[in-house]
Amino acid sequence: MIERIEIITPEELKKKLEAGEKLEMVDVREDYEVAQGIIPGAKHIRMGDIPENLDYFDKEKEYIIICRAAHRSEIVCYYLQDQGFKVRNMVGGMIEWTGELEFK
């Protein structure tokens, strides 16, 4: 049986960040997409680079996984959940994000 992936909406995430919550966010988009803006505080690890970056993740923390439209992030969530990590998918992705952006 496949475990359901927990979700968070862009609006819920924005409210948590505005309230000063310390959140672990990972943006799995490609470099050219991130160049158009990333949520401040998010770590950028491309989807294809997740397997070799598992040492970045801590099983005690929960990670919010972000991509453009929430499809790639959902795939990453299933993968990380299978590895024993706590994850949440930001539904709607960056397409629906209305909060602040950081440009790197």
N, C-alpha and C. Protein backbone atom coordinates (compact mmCIF):
# COMPACT_ATOMS: atom_id res chain seq x y z
N MET A 1 0.84 -1.19 0.00
CA MET A 1 0.00 0.00 0.00
C MET A 1 0.89 1.26 0.00
N ILE A 2 0.52 2.21 -0.82
CA ILE A 2 1.29 3.45 -0.89
C ILE A 2 0.76 4.42 0.17
N GLU A 3 1.68 4.93 0.97
CA GLU A 3 1.32 5.93 1.99
C GLU A 3 0.95 7.23 1.30
N ARG A 4 -0.07 7.86 1.81
CA ARG A 4 -0.49 9.16 1.27
C ARG A 4 0.56 10.22 1.65
N ILE A 5 0.76 11.15 0.74
CA ILE A 5 1.71 12.24 0.99
C ILE A 5 0.94 13.39 1.65
N GLU A 6 1.49 13.90 2.74
CA GLU A 6 0.91 15.08 3.39
C GLU A 6 1.14 16.27 2.47
N ILE A 7 0.21 17.22 2.51
CA ILE A 7 0.34 18.41 1.66
C ILE A 7 0.30 19.68 2.50
N ILE A 8 0.72 20.76 1.88
CA ILE A 8 0.58 22.10 2.44
C ILE A 8 0.26 23.00 1.25
N THR A 9 -0.63 23.96 1.44
CA THR A 9 -0.94 24.88 0.35
C THR A 9 0.06 26.04 0.37
N PRO A 10 0.23 26.71 -0.77
CA PRO A 10 1.11 27.88 -0.77
C PRO A 10 0.67 28.92 0.27
N GLU A 11 -0.64 29.08 0.43
CA GLU A 11 -1.17 30.05 1.40
C GLU A 11 -0.80 29.66 2.83
N GLU A 12 -0.94 28.37 3.16
CA GLU A 12 -0.57 27.90 4.50
C GLU A 12 0.93 28.10 4.75
N LEU A 13 1.74 27.80 3.75
CA LEU A 13 3.19 27.96 3.89
C LEU A 13 3.53 29.43 4.10
N LYS A 14 2.91 30.30 3.32
CA LYS A 14 3.16 31.74 3.43
C LYS A 14 2.83 32.22 4.84
N LYS A 15 1.69 31.77 5.39
CA LYS A 15 1.29 32.19 6.75
C LYS A 15 2.29 31.71 7.80
N LYS A 16 2.77 30.46 7.64
CA LYS A 16 3.75 29.93 8.59
C LYS A 16 5.04 30.74 8.54
N LEU A 17 5.50 31.08 7.34
CA LEU A 17 6.72 31.87 7.18
C LEU A 17 6.54 33.27 7.76
N GLU A 18 5.37 33.87 7.50
CA GLU A 18 5.09 35.21 8.03
C GLU A 18 5.05 35.20 9.55
N ALA A 19 4.65 34.06 10.13
CA ALA A 19 4.58 33.93 11.60
C ALA A 19 5.96 33.63 12.19
N GLY A 20 6.96 33.50 11.30
CA GLY A 20 8.33 33.29 11.77
C GLY A 20 8.68 31.84 12.06
N GLU A 21 7.85 30.90 11.58
CA GLU A 21 8.17 29.49 11.81
C GLU A 21 9.43 29.11 11.04
N LYS A 22 10.26 28.28 11.66
CA LYS A 22 11.49 27.80 11.02
C LYS A 22 11.12 26.52 10.28
N LEU A 23 11.13 26.58 8.98
CA LEU A 23 10.70 25.45 8.16
C LEU A 23 11.83 24.97 7.27
N GLU A 24 11.83 23.68 7.02
CA GLU A 24 12.81 23.08 6.10
C GLU A 24 12.12 22.95 4.75
N MET A 25 12.55 23.76 3.78
CA MET A 25 11.96 23.74 2.45
C MET A 25 13.03 23.35 1.44
N VAL A 26 12.65 22.47 0.51
CA VAL A 26 13.58 22.06 -0.54
C VAL A 26 12.89 22.27 -1.89
N ASP A 27 13.51 23.09 -2.73
CA ASP A 27 12.99 23.37 -4.06
C ASP A 27 13.71 22.43 -5.03
N VAL A 28 12.94 21.59 -5.73
CA VAL A 28 13.54 20.57 -6.60
C VAL A 28 13.50 20.94 -8.08
N ARG A 29 13.23 22.22 -8.38
CA ARG A 29 13.19 22.65 -9.78
C ARG A 29 14.60 22.72 -10.38
N GLU A 30 14.62 22.90 -11.69
CA GLU A 30 15.89 23.04 -12.40
C GLU A 30 16.46 24.44 -12.16
N ASP A 31 17.75 24.61 -12.43
CA ASP A 31 18.44 25.89 -12.20
C ASP A 31 17.75 27.06 -12.90
N TYR A 32 17.37 26.88 -14.17
CA TYR A 32 16.76 28.00 -14.91
C TYR A 32 15.42 28.41 -14.29
N GLU A 33 14.71 27.46 -13.65
CA GLU A 33 13.43 27.79 -13.00
C GLU A 33 13.68 28.56 -11.71
N VAL A 34 14.68 28.12 -10.95
CA VAL A 34 15.02 28.77 -9.68
C VAL A 34 15.52 30.19 -9.93
N ALA A 35 16.15 30.41 -11.09
CA ALA A 35 16.63 31.75 -11.44
C ALA A 35 15.48 32.76 -11.53
N GLN A 36 14.25 32.25 -11.71
CA GLN A 36 13.07 33.13 -11.77
C GLN A 36 12.52 33.43 -10.38
N GLY A 37 13.17 32.91 -9.35
CA GLY A 37 12.78 33.20 -7.97
C GLY A 37 12.56 31.95 -7.16
N ILE A 38 13.00 32.00 -5.91
CA ILE A 38 12.87 30.88 -4.98
C ILE A 38 12.32 31.44 -3.67
N ILE A 39 11.59 30.64 -2.93
CA ILE A 39 11.07 31.09 -1.64
C ILE A 39 12.26 31.31 -0.70
N PRO A 40 12.34 32.49 -0.08
CA PRO A 40 13.47 32.76 0.83
C PRO A 40 13.60 31.67 1.90
N GLY A 41 14.82 31.16 2.04
CA GLY A 41 15.08 30.12 3.03
C GLY A 41 15.02 28.71 2.47
N ALA A 42 14.53 28.56 1.24
CA ALA A 42 14.45 27.22 0.64
C ALA A 42 15.82 26.79 0.15
N LYS A 43 16.10 25.52 0.29
CA LYS A 43 17.35 24.93 -0.22
C LYS A 43 17.05 24.41 -1.62
N HIS A 44 17.94 24.68 -2.56
CA HIS A 44 17.74 24.19 -3.93
C HIS A 44 18.54 22.91 -4.15
N ILE A 45 17.81 21.81 -4.38
CA ILE A 45 18.43 20.54 -4.78
C ILE A 45 17.58 20.03 -5.94
N ARG A 46 18.14 20.02 -7.14
CA ARG A 46 17.38 19.55 -8.30
C ARG A 46 16.86 18.14 -8.07
N MET A 47 15.68 17.87 -8.62
CA MET A 47 15.04 16.56 -8.47
C MET A 47 16.02 15.42 -8.76
N GLY A 48 16.74 15.52 -9.86
CA GLY A 48 17.67 14.46 -10.25
C GLY A 48 18.85 14.30 -9.31
N ASP A 49 19.09 15.32 -8.46
CA ASP A 49 20.23 15.27 -7.54
C ASP A 49 19.83 14.81 -6.13
N ILE A 50 18.54 14.57 -5.92
CA ILE A 50 18.08 14.18 -4.57
C ILE A 50 18.76 12.89 -4.08
N PRO A 51 18.82 11.81 -4.90
CA PRO A 51 19.41 10.56 -4.36
C PRO A 51 20.82 10.72 -3.82
N GLU A 52 21.67 11.54 -4.48
CA GLU A 52 23.03 11.68 -3.96
C GLU A 52 23.15 12.74 -2.87
N ASN A 53 22.02 13.34 -2.50
CA ASN A 53 22.03 14.35 -1.44
C ASN A 53 21.23 13.91 -0.21
N LEU A 54 21.01 12.62 -0.06
CA LEU A 54 20.22 12.13 1.07
C LEU A 54 20.85 12.49 2.41
N ASP A 55 22.17 12.69 2.44
CA ASP A 55 22.83 13.03 3.70
C ASP A 55 22.45 14.44 4.17
N TYR A 56 21.85 15.25 3.29
CA TYR A 56 21.37 16.58 3.69
C TYR A 56 20.15 16.45 4.62
N PHE A 57 19.36 15.41 4.41
CA PHE A 57 18.09 15.25 5.11
C PHE A 57 18.27 14.61 6.49
N ASP A 58 17.42 15.01 7.42
CA ASP A 58 17.45 14.53 8.80
C ASP A 58 16.09 13.89 9.10
N LYS A 59 16.10 12.65 9.57
CA LYS A 59 14.83 11.95 9.81
C LYS A 59 14.01 12.55 10.95
N GLU A 60 14.62 13.45 11.72
CA GLU A 60 13.90 14.11 12.82
C GLU A 60 13.12 15.34 12.35
N LYS A 61 13.42 15.81 11.14
CA LYS A 61 12.79 17.03 10.64
C LYS A 61 11.75 16.71 9.57
N GLU A 62 10.85 17.68 9.34
CA GLU A 62 9.89 17.54 8.24
C GLU A 62 10.31 18.52 7.15
N TYR A 63 10.24 18.05 5.91
CA TYR A 63 10.65 18.87 4.77
C TYR A 63 9.45 19.18 3.88
N ILE A 64 9.36 20.43 3.47
CA ILE A 64 8.35 20.84 2.51
C ILE A 64 9.04 20.85 1.15
N ILE A 65 8.50 20.05 0.24
CA ILE A 65 9.13 19.89 -1.07
C ILE A 65 8.34 20.74 -2.08
N ILE A 66 9.08 21.50 -2.89
CA ILE A 66 8.49 22.51 -3.77
C ILE A 66 9.00 22.33 -5.20
N CYS A 67 8.10 22.48 -6.17
CA CYS A 67 8.51 22.55 -7.58
C CYS A 67 7.59 23.54 -8.29
N ARG A 68 7.55 23.49 -9.59
CA ARG A 68 6.76 24.47 -10.35
C ARG A 68 5.26 24.25 -10.19
N ALA A 69 4.81 23.00 -10.37
CA ALA A 69 3.37 22.73 -10.35
C ALA A 69 2.96 21.61 -9.39
N ALA A 70 3.89 21.11 -8.60
CA ALA A 70 3.66 20.09 -7.56
C ALA A 70 3.73 18.65 -8.07
N HIS A 71 4.06 18.43 -9.34
CA HIS A 71 4.17 17.06 -9.83
C HIS A 71 5.53 16.45 -9.48
N ARG A 72 6.60 17.15 -9.83
CA ARG A 72 7.93 16.64 -9.49
C ARG A 72 8.11 16.53 -7.98
N SER A 73 7.60 17.54 -7.26
CA SER A 73 7.75 17.52 -5.80
C SER A 73 7.01 16.32 -5.20
N GLU A 74 5.88 15.94 -5.81
CA GLU A 74 5.14 14.77 -5.31
C GLU A 74 5.99 13.50 -5.50
N ILE A 75 6.62 13.37 -6.65
CA ILE A 75 7.49 12.22 -6.92
C ILE A 75 8.63 12.18 -5.90
N VAL A 76 9.25 13.34 -5.65
CA VAL A 76 10.34 13.42 -4.67
C VAL A 76 9.81 13.06 -3.28
N CYS A 77 8.61 13.52 -2.94
CA CYS A 77 8.01 13.19 -1.64
C CYS A 77 7.88 11.68 -1.46
N TYR A 78 7.36 10.98 -2.48
CA TYR A 78 7.23 9.53 -2.38
C TYR A 78 8.60 8.88 -2.19
N TYR A 79 9.57 9.35 -2.95
CA TYR A 79 10.93 8.80 -2.85
C TYR A 79 11.50 9.00 -1.44
N LEU A 80 11.43 10.24 -0.94
CA LEU A 80 11.99 10.54 0.38
C LEU A 80 11.22 9.82 1.49
N GLN A 81 9.91 9.73 1.33
CA GLN A 81 9.10 9.02 2.33
C GLN A 81 9.51 7.54 2.37
N ASP A 82 9.77 6.97 1.21
CA ASP A 82 10.24 5.57 1.14
C ASP A 82 11.59 5.40 1.84
N GLN A 83 12.39 6.47 1.88
CA GLN A 83 13.70 6.42 2.55
C GLN A 83 13.57 6.69 4.06
N GLY A 84 12.34 6.94 4.52
CA GLY A 84 12.10 7.14 5.94
C GLY A 84 12.05 8.59 6.40
N PHE A 85 11.96 9.54 5.45
CA PHE A 85 11.92 10.95 5.82
C PHE A 85 10.48 11.47 5.90
N LYS A 86 10.29 12.51 6.72
CA LYS A 86 8.98 13.15 6.85
C LYS A 86 8.92 14.28 5.83
N VAL A 87 7.92 14.23 4.97
CA VAL A 87 7.81 15.22 3.90
C VAL A 87 6.38 15.71 3.74
N ARG A 88 6.28 16.85 3.10
CA ARG A 88 5.00 17.46 2.79
C ARG A 88 5.15 18.11 1.41
N ASN A 89 4.18 17.93 0.54
CA ASN A 89 4.24 18.48 -0.81
C ASN A 89 3.49 19.80 -0.85
N MET A 90 4.12 20.85 -1.41
CA MET A 90 3.40 22.11 -1.58
C MET A 90 2.55 22.02 -2.84
N VAL A 91 1.25 21.80 -2.65
CA VAL A 91 0.33 21.66 -3.79
C VAL A 91 0.22 22.98 -4.53
N GLY A 92 0.07 22.90 -5.83
CA GLY A 92 -0.01 24.13 -6.63
C GLY A 92 1.35 24.64 -7.07
N GLY A 93 2.38 24.28 -6.30
CA GLY A 93 3.74 24.66 -6.65
C GLY A 93 3.96 26.16 -6.74
N MET A 94 5.07 26.52 -7.35
CA MET A 94 5.45 27.93 -7.47
C MET A 94 4.48 28.72 -8.36
N ILE A 95 3.73 28.01 -9.20
CA ILE A 95 2.73 28.68 -10.04
C ILE A 95 1.73 29.42 -9.14
N GLU A 96 1.41 28.84 -7.98
CA GLU A 96 0.42 29.44 -7.09
C GLU A 96 1.04 30.22 -5.93
N TRP A 97 2.36 30.31 -5.87
CA TRP A 97 3.02 31.02 -4.78
C TRP A 97 2.85 32.52 -4.96
N THR A 98 2.35 33.21 -3.92
CA THR A 98 2.14 34.66 -4.00
C THR A 98 3.04 35.41 -3.01
N GLY A 99 3.86 34.66 -2.28
CA GLY A 99 4.72 35.28 -1.27
C GLY A 99 5.99 35.84 -1.87
N GLU A 100 6.88 36.19 -0.96
CA GLU A 100 8.17 36.77 -1.34
C GLU A 100 8.99 35.80 -2.19
N LEU A 101 9.86 36.38 -3.00
CA LEU A 101 10.81 35.57 -3.78
C LEU A 101 12.19 36.11 -3.54
N GLU A 102 13.14 35.22 -3.65
CA GLU A 102 14.55 35.58 -3.54
C GLU A 102 15.17 35.21 -4.88
N PHE A 103 16.09 36.02 -5.36
CA PHE A 103 16.74 35.73 -6.63
C PHE A 103 18.20 35.45 -6.38
N LYS A 104 18.66 34.30 -6.87
CA LYS A 104 20.05 33.87 -6.62
C LYS A 104 20.87 33.99 -7.88
